[in-house]
Amino acid sequence: MKKRKRNKTGILVAIIYSIIMYFILSNYDQRINYANGSTHYVLLPLGVLIIIILFDFFIKKDIFDRENDK
């Protein structure tokens, strides 16, 4: 079975998204008192999953993979 190549651009965008969302959510968590404050941290893995699916299946443009440019 052939291994599918991962889109490196999608992985990089997902890592940047994770870092930015962590800081945004940690700042809002200090200011807003929720009864269940940790439930909005579902946005981190859900956003990463959506970004990777978008780049792997729909966008398919990888700026780090020079083989596909030829």
C-alpha atoms as a PDB file:
ATOM      1  CA  MET A   1       0.000   0.000   0.000  1.00  0.00           C
ATOM      2  CA  LYS A   2       1.378   3.412  -0.991  1.00  0.00           C
ATOM      3  CA  LYS A   3       1.765   5.973   1.773  1.00  0.00           C
ATOM      4  CA  ARG A   4       0.013   9.257   1.071  1.00  0.00           C
ATOM      5  CA  LYS A   5       2.177  12.390   1.246  1.00  0.00           C
ATOM      6  CA  ARG A   6       1.165  14.932   3.873  1.00  0.00           C
ATOM      7  CA  ASN A   7       0.772  18.574   2.960  1.00  0.00           C
ATOM      8  CA  LYS A   8       3.533  20.416   4.833  1.00  0.00           C
ATOM      9  CA  THR A   9       1.866  23.800   4.349  1.00  0.00           C
ATOM     10  CA  GLY A  10      -1.277  22.556   6.092  1.00  0.00           C
ATOM     11  CA  ILE A  11       0.746  21.227   9.004  1.00  0.00           C
ATOM     12  CA  LEU A  12       2.585  24.554   9.367  1.00  0.00           C
ATOM     13  CA  VAL A  13      -0.676  26.538   9.238  1.00  0.00           C
ATOM     14  CA  ALA A  14      -2.201  24.195  11.841  1.00  0.00           C
ATOM     15  CA  ILE A  15       0.750  24.711  14.200  1.00  0.00           C
ATOM     16  CA  ILE A  16       0.531  28.491  13.832  1.00  0.00           C
ATOM     17  CA  TYR A  17      -3.243  28.305  14.412  1.00  0.00           C
ATOM     18  CA  SER A  18      -2.691  26.270  17.576  1.00  0.00           C
ATOM     19  CA  ILE A  19      -0.227  28.757  19.028  1.00  0.00           C
ATOM     20  CA  ILE A  20      -2.384  31.788  18.251  1.00  0.00           C
ATOM     21  CA  MET A  21      -5.615  30.175  19.504  1.00  0.00           C
ATOM     22  CA  TYR A  22      -3.906  29.063  22.710  1.00  0.00           C
ATOM     23  CA  PHE A  23      -2.915  32.637  23.535  1.00  0.00           C
ATOM     24  CA  ILE A  24      -6.322  34.036  22.559  1.00  0.00           C
ATOM     25  CA  LEU A  25      -8.201  31.451  24.616  1.00  0.00           C
ATOM     26  CA  SER A  26      -5.901  31.799  27.620  1.00  0.00           C
ATOM     27  CA  ASN A  27      -6.419  35.590  27.627  1.00  0.00           C
ATOM     28  CA  TYR A  28     -10.210  35.282  27.402  1.00  0.00           C
ATOM     29  CA  ASP A  29     -10.234  32.544  30.014  1.00  0.00           C
ATOM     30  CA  GLN A  30      -8.809  34.990  32.552  1.00  0.00           C
ATOM     31  CA  ARG A  31     -11.423  37.643  31.804  1.00  0.00           C
ATOM     32  CA  ILE A  32     -14.562  35.541  31.365  1.00  0.00           C
ATOM     33  CA  ASN A  33     -15.836  33.258  34.104  1.00  0.00           C
ATOM     34  CA  TYR A  34     -17.615  30.290  32.591  1.00  0.00           C
ATOM     35  CA  ALA A  35     -19.216  27.549  34.609  1.00  0.00           C
ATOM     36  CA  ASN A  36     -17.315  25.117  32.383  1.00  0.00           C
ATOM     37  CA  GLY A  37     -14.356  27.247  31.288  1.00  0.00           C
ATOM     38  CA  SER A  38     -12.401  24.443  29.662  1.00  0.00           C
ATOM     39  CA  THR A  39     -15.087  23.454  27.150  1.00  0.00           C
ATOM     40  CA  HIS A  40     -14.067  26.153  24.677  1.00  0.00           C
ATOM     41  CA  TYR A  41     -10.649  24.480  24.328  1.00  0.00           C
ATOM     42  CA  VAL A  42     -12.323  22.068  21.902  1.00  0.00           C
ATOM     43  CA  LEU A  43     -11.599  24.748  19.302  1.00  0.00           C
ATOM     44  CA  LEU A  44      -7.897  23.837  19.260  1.00  0.00           C
ATOM     45  CA  PRO A  45      -8.044  20.220  18.011  1.00  0.00           C
ATOM     46  CA  LEU A  46     -11.171  20.851  15.939  1.00  0.00           C
ATOM     47  CA  GLY A  47      -9.520  23.758  14.120  1.00  0.00           C
ATOM     48  CA  VAL A  48      -6.340  21.768  13.502  1.00  0.00           C
ATOM     49  CA  LEU A  49      -8.361  18.897  12.045  1.00  0.00           C
ATOM     50  CA  ILE A  50     -10.310  21.224   9.737  1.00  0.00           C
ATOM     51  CA  ILE A  51      -7.125  22.975   8.531  1.00  0.00           C
ATOM     52  CA  ILE A  52      -5.347  19.693   7.757  1.00  0.00           C
ATOM     53  CA  ILE A  53      -8.396  18.301   5.919  1.00  0.00           C
ATOM     54  CA  LEU A  54      -8.690  21.511   3.880  1.00  0.00           C
ATOM     55  CA  PHE A  55      -5.040  21.493   2.828  1.00  0.00           C
ATOM     56  CA  ASP A  56      -4.848  17.724   2.183  1.00  0.00           C
ATOM     57  CA  PHE A  57      -8.027  17.254   0.169  1.00  0.00           C
ATOM     58  CA  PHE A  58      -9.242  20.612  -1.170  1.00  0.00           C
ATOM     59  CA  ILE A  59      -6.444  23.169  -1.531  1.00  0.00           C
ATOM     60  CA  LYS A  60      -3.654  20.688  -2.397  1.00  0.00           C
ATOM     61  CA  LYS A  61      -1.108  23.502  -2.944  1.00  0.00           C
ATOM     62  CA  ASP A  62       2.056  22.790  -0.991  1.00  0.00           C
ATOM     63  CA  ILE A  63       4.628  25.583  -1.011  1.00  0.00           C
ATOM     64  CA  PHE A  64       7.303  23.305   0.502  1.00  0.00           C
ATOM     65  CA  ASP A  65       6.977  20.462  -2.013  1.00  0.00           C
ATOM     66  CA  ARG A  66       8.888  21.436  -5.160  1.00  0.00           C
ATOM     67  CA  GLU A  67       8.219  18.107  -6.962  1.00  0.00           C
ATOM     68  CA  ASN A  68       4.635  19.063  -7.775  1.00  0.00           C
ATOM     69  CA  ASP A  69       5.623  22.418  -9.330  1.00  0.00           C
ATOM     70  CA  LYS A  70       7.171  20.789 -12.428  1.00  0.00           C
END
